[in-house]
Amino acid sequence: MIIVYISAAVVALAFLILVLYLVQTLKSATKTLNNVADTVSSLEKQLQGVTRETEHLLQKTNRLADDIHVKSQSLNTMFDSVKDLGESVQTVNNSLKRVSNEVARQSEQQSAQVAQVVQWGNAAIDLYSKWKEKKQHHPNDVNS
């Protein structure tokens, strides 16, 4: 029976040692969990700060996008005006080209007419010169 008491004492001692180690492990786990809770709390605060900053950045980005949209609309108006100006200049150029072509055509036409008048004038002068020569050679000829 002594063996049973010794065995019971050894079992009790082993159980005591097991409980002591279990208590130490639980205390260590409690410290670790407290540290994890503190870290999570700190992260939560940092995340709130980051969220606030992100919201501010998003608002600024939206305002910037609106500003860019307004400015691009005014640029579109300016580009439309430049386009209209370019079309007007092209219309004026086309009109000037037509006028220039018409002036050149009429100038060529009148040049041809002047050349023809000069030819007729030369022919008339030649006829007059010949008539005059003939008259000087034959002064008594009535039909000439």
C-alpha atoms as a PDB file:
ATOM      1  CA  MET A   1       0.000   0.000   0.000  1.00  0.00           C
ATOM      2  CA  ILE A   2       2.869   2.284   0.505  1.00  0.00           C
ATOM      3  CA  ILE A   3       3.528   1.928  -3.144  1.00  0.00           C
ATOM      4  CA  VAL A   4       0.038   3.155  -3.846  1.00  0.00           C
ATOM      5  CA  TYR A   5       0.627   6.172  -1.578  1.00  0.00           C
ATOM      6  CA  ILE A   6       4.006   6.824  -3.191  1.00  0.00           C
ATOM      7  CA  SER A   7       2.435   6.418  -6.610  1.00  0.00           C
ATOM      8  CA  ALA A   8      -0.376   8.766  -5.643  1.00  0.00           C
ATOM      9  CA  ALA A   9       2.185  11.260  -4.282  1.00  0.00           C
ATOM     10  CA  VAL A  10       4.217  11.055  -7.519  1.00  0.00           C
ATOM     11  CA  VAL A  11       1.046  11.501  -9.567  1.00  0.00           C
ATOM     12  CA  ALA A  12       0.030  14.444  -7.378  1.00  0.00           C
ATOM     13  CA  LEU A  13       3.500  15.949  -7.699  1.00  0.00           C
ATOM     14  CA  ALA A  14       3.462  15.440 -11.490  1.00  0.00           C
ATOM     15  CA  PHE A  15      -0.010  16.975 -11.609  1.00  0.00           C
ATOM     16  CA  LEU A  16       1.237  19.939  -9.545  1.00  0.00           C
ATOM     17  CA  ILE A  17       4.216  20.440 -11.878  1.00  0.00           C
ATOM     18  CA  LEU A  18       1.875  20.171 -14.863  1.00  0.00           C
ATOM     19  CA  VAL A  19      -0.474  22.763 -13.346  1.00  0.00           C
ATOM     20  CA  LEU A  20       2.449  25.115 -12.608  1.00  0.00           C
ATOM     21  CA  TYR A  21       3.710  24.883 -16.204  1.00  0.00           C
ATOM     22  CA  LEU A  22       0.174  25.272 -17.461  1.00  0.00           C
ATOM     23  CA  VAL A  23      -0.247  28.428 -15.331  1.00  0.00           C
ATOM     24  CA  GLN A  24       3.027  29.825 -16.703  1.00  0.00           C
ATOM     25  CA  THR A  25       1.949  29.016 -20.264  1.00  0.00           C
ATOM     26  CA  LEU A  26      -1.440  30.662 -19.703  1.00  0.00           C
ATOM     27  CA  LYS A  27       0.212  33.766 -18.206  1.00  0.00           C
ATOM     28  CA  SER A  28       2.559  33.943 -21.221  1.00  0.00           C
ATOM     29  CA  ALA A  29      -0.391  33.473 -23.578  1.00  0.00           C
ATOM     30  CA  THR A  30      -2.270  36.230 -21.727  1.00  0.00           C
ATOM     31  CA  LYS A  31       0.690  38.629 -22.161  1.00  0.00           C
ATOM     32  CA  THR A  32       0.900  37.723 -25.867  1.00  0.00           C
ATOM     33  CA  LEU A  33      -2.844  38.260 -26.322  1.00  0.00           C
ATOM     34  CA  ASN A  34      -2.620  41.618 -24.483  1.00  0.00           C
ATOM     35  CA  ASN A  35       0.231  42.652 -26.804  1.00  0.00           C
ATOM     36  CA  VAL A  36      -1.814  41.539 -29.820  1.00  0.00           C
ATOM     37  CA  ALA A  37      -4.815  43.536 -28.521  1.00  0.00           C
ATOM     38  CA  ASP A  38      -2.619  46.638 -28.070  1.00  0.00           C
ATOM     39  CA  THR A  39      -1.184  46.193 -31.585  1.00  0.00           C
ATOM     40  CA  VAL A  40      -4.656  45.772 -33.076  1.00  0.00           C
ATOM     41  CA  SER A  41      -5.847  48.898 -31.224  1.00  0.00           C
ATOM     42  CA  SER A  42      -2.843  50.861 -32.524  1.00  0.00           C
ATOM     43  CA  LEU A  43      -3.465  49.578 -36.037  1.00  0.00           C
ATOM     44  CA  GLU A  44      -7.113  50.558 -35.731  1.00  0.00           C
ATOM     45  CA  LYS A  45      -6.133  54.134 -34.815  1.00  0.00           C
ATOM     46  CA  GLN A  46      -3.626  54.288 -37.666  1.00  0.00           C
ATOM     47  CA  LEU A  47      -6.211  52.879 -40.056  1.00  0.00           C
ATOM     48  CA  GLN A  48      -8.682  55.575 -38.977  1.00  0.00           C
ATOM     49  CA  GLY A  49      -6.032  58.224 -39.716  1.00  0.00           C
ATOM     50  CA  VAL A  50      -5.248  56.677 -43.087  1.00  0.00           C
ATOM     51  CA  THR A  51      -8.973  56.466 -43.870  1.00  0.00           C
ATOM     52  CA  ARG A  52      -9.420  60.159 -43.020  1.00  0.00           C
ATOM     53  CA  GLU A  53      -6.454  61.127 -45.203  1.00  0.00           C
ATOM     54  CA  THR A  54      -7.762  58.930 -48.010  1.00  0.00           C
ATOM     55  CA  GLU A  55     -11.146  60.655 -47.824  1.00  0.00           C
ATOM     56  CA  HIS A  56      -9.459  64.073 -48.008  1.00  0.00           C
ATOM     57  CA  LEU A  57      -7.359  62.959 -50.979  1.00  0.00           C
ATOM     58  CA  LEU A  58     -10.452  61.590 -52.698  1.00  0.00           C
ATOM     59  CA  GLN A  59     -12.278  64.891 -52.180  1.00  0.00           C
ATOM     60  CA  LYS A  60      -9.293  66.846 -53.533  1.00  0.00           C
ATOM     61  CA  THR A  61      -9.079  64.471 -56.500  1.00  0.00           C
ATOM     62  CA  ASN A  62     -12.773  64.978 -57.245  1.00  0.00           C
ATOM     63  CA  ARG A  63     -12.390  68.775 -57.070  1.00  0.00           C
ATOM     64  CA  LEU A  64      -9.351  68.556 -59.341  1.00  0.00           C
ATOM     65  CA  ALA A  65     -11.254  66.360 -61.808  1.00  0.00           C
ATOM     66  CA  ASP A  66     -14.130  68.879 -61.827  1.00  0.00           C
ATOM     67  CA  ASP A  67     -11.678  71.738 -62.405  1.00  0.00           C
ATOM     68  CA  ILE A  68      -9.995  69.850 -65.246  1.00  0.00           C
ATOM     69  CA  HIS A  69     -13.415  69.137 -66.772  1.00  0.00           C
ATOM     70  CA  VAL A  70     -14.395  72.824 -66.662  1.00  0.00           C
ATOM     71  CA  LYS A  71     -11.071  73.882 -68.153  1.00  0.00           C
ATOM     72  CA  SER A  72     -11.234  71.255 -70.878  1.00  0.00           C
ATOM     73  CA  GLN A  73     -14.723  72.502 -71.801  1.00  0.00           C
ATOM     74  CA  SER A  74     -13.367  76.042 -72.179  1.00  0.00           C
ATOM     75  CA  LEU A  75     -10.475  74.654 -74.253  1.00  0.00           C
ATOM     76  CA  ASN A  76     -12.999  72.839 -76.447  1.00  0.00           C
ATOM     77  CA  THR A  77     -14.765  76.178 -77.011  1.00  0.00           C
ATOM     78  CA  MET A  78     -11.432  77.779 -77.926  1.00  0.00           C
ATOM     79  CA  PHE A  79     -10.580  74.941 -80.325  1.00  0.00           C
ATOM     80  CA  ASP A  80     -14.007  75.296 -81.943  1.00  0.00           C
ATOM     81  CA  SER A  81     -13.315  79.007 -82.426  1.00  0.00           C
ATOM     82  CA  VAL A  82      -9.900  78.263 -83.936  1.00  0.00           C
ATOM     83  CA  LYS A  83     -11.513  75.717 -86.244  1.00  0.00           C
ATOM     84  CA  ASP A  84     -14.108  78.276 -87.354  1.00  0.00           C
ATOM     85  CA  LEU A  85     -11.326  80.817 -87.913  1.00  0.00           C
ATOM     86  CA  GLY A  86      -9.411  78.279 -90.018  1.00  0.00           C
ATOM     87  CA  GLU A  87     -12.507  77.595 -92.107  1.00  0.00           C
ATOM     88  CA  SER A  88     -13.035  81.343 -92.589  1.00  0.00           C
ATOM     89  CA  VAL A  89      -9.425  81.819 -93.663  1.00  0.00           C
ATOM     90  CA  GLN A  90      -9.776  78.922 -96.098  1.00  0.00           C
ATOM     91  CA  THR A  91     -12.940  80.491 -97.536  1.00  0.00           C
ATOM     92  CA  VAL A  92     -11.118  83.814 -97.989  1.00  0.00           C
ATOM     93  CA  ASN A  93      -8.182  81.987 -99.626  1.00  0.00           C
ATOM     94  CA  ASN A  94     -10.532  80.186-101.994  1.00  0.00           C
ATOM     95  CA  SER A  95     -12.224  83.497-102.884  1.00  0.00           C
ATOM     96  CA  LEU A  96      -8.861  85.155-103.493  1.00  0.00           C
ATOM     97  CA  LYS A  97      -7.788  82.226-105.651  1.00  0.00           C
ATOM     98  CA  ARG A  98     -10.975  82.491-107.724  1.00  0.00           C
ATOM     99  CA  VAL A  99     -10.528  86.272-108.125  1.00  0.00           C
ATOM    100  CA  SER A 100      -6.862  85.804-109.034  1.00  0.00           C
ATOM    101  CA  ASN A 101      -7.730  83.134-111.586  1.00  0.00           C
ATOM    102  CA  GLU A 102     -10.455  85.342-113.066  1.00  0.00           C
ATOM    103  CA  VAL A 103      -8.087  88.322-113.280  1.00  0.00           C
ATOM    104  CA  ALA A 104      -5.438  86.153-114.943  1.00  0.00           C
ATOM    105  CA  ARG A 105      -8.004  84.728-117.382  1.00  0.00           C
ATOM    106  CA  GLN A 106      -9.348  88.157-118.269  1.00  0.00           C
ATOM    107  CA  SER A 107      -5.829  89.515-118.558  1.00  0.00           C
ATOM    108  CA  GLU A 108      -4.960  86.728-121.006  1.00  0.00           C
ATOM    109  CA  GLN A 109      -8.179  87.375-122.900  1.00  0.00           C
ATOM    110  CA  GLN A 110      -7.529  91.110-123.089  1.00  0.00           C
ATOM    111  CA  SER A 111      -3.906  90.456-123.993  1.00  0.00           C
ATOM    112  CA  ALA A 112      -5.083  88.353-126.916  1.00  0.00           C
ATOM    113  CA  GLN A 113      -7.500  91.113-127.939  1.00  0.00           C
ATOM    114  CA  VAL A 114      -4.775  93.778-127.695  1.00  0.00           C
ATOM    115  CA  ALA A 115      -2.479  91.620-129.807  1.00  0.00           C
ATOM    116  CA  GLN A 116      -5.220  91.268-132.397  1.00  0.00           C
ATOM    117  CA  VAL A 117      -5.840  95.049-132.404  1.00  0.00           C
ATOM    118  CA  VAL A 118      -2.098  95.628-132.859  1.00  0.00           C
ATOM    119  CA  GLN A 119      -2.068  93.188-135.783  1.00  0.00           C
ATOM    120  CA  TRP A 120      -5.045  94.956-137.368  1.00  0.00           C
ATOM    121  CA  GLY A 121      -3.341  98.295-136.738  1.00  0.00           C
ATOM    122  CA  ASN A 122      -0.130  97.043-138.411  1.00  0.00           C
ATOM    123  CA  ALA A 123      -2.144  95.719-141.310  1.00  0.00           C
ATOM    124  CA  ALA A 124      -3.939  99.083-141.655  1.00  0.00           C
ATOM    125  CA  ILE A 125      -0.609 100.958-141.508  1.00  0.00           C
ATOM    126  CA  ASP A 126       0.835  98.633-144.163  1.00  0.00           C
ATOM    127  CA  LEU A 127      -2.199  99.216-146.386  1.00  0.00           C
ATOM    128  CA  TYR A 128      -1.961 102.966-145.874  1.00  0.00           C
ATOM    129  CA  SER A 129       1.779 102.920-146.618  1.00  0.00           C
ATOM    130  CA  LYS A 130       1.212 100.927-149.790  1.00  0.00           C
ATOM    131  CA  TRP A 131      -1.615 103.169-150.867  1.00  0.00           C
ATOM    132  CA  LYS A 132       0.538 106.217-150.208  1.00  0.00           C
ATOM    133  CA  GLU A 133       3.434 104.737-152.211  1.00  0.00           C
ATOM    134  CA  LYS A 134       1.133 103.866-155.011  1.00  0.00           C
ATOM    135  CA  LYS A 135      -0.316 107.344-154.993  1.00  0.00           C
ATOM    136  CA  GLN A 136       3.133 108.893-155.096  1.00  0.00           C
ATOM    137  CA  HIS A 137       4.139 106.702-158.042  1.00  0.00           C
ATOM    138  CA  HIS A 138       0.912 107.291-159.898  1.00  0.00           C
ATOM    139  CA  PRO A 139      -0.365 110.740-158.944  1.00  0.00           C
ATOM    140  CA  ASN A 140      -2.763 110.977-161.901  1.00  0.00           C
ATOM    141  CA  ASP A 141      -4.545 107.734-161.320  1.00  0.00           C
ATOM    142  CA  VAL A 142      -8.079 108.561-160.228  1.00  0.00           C
ATOM    143  CA  ASN A 143      -9.224 105.087-159.302  1.00  0.00           C
ATOM    144  CA  SER A 144      -6.381 104.446-156.897  1.00  0.00           C
END
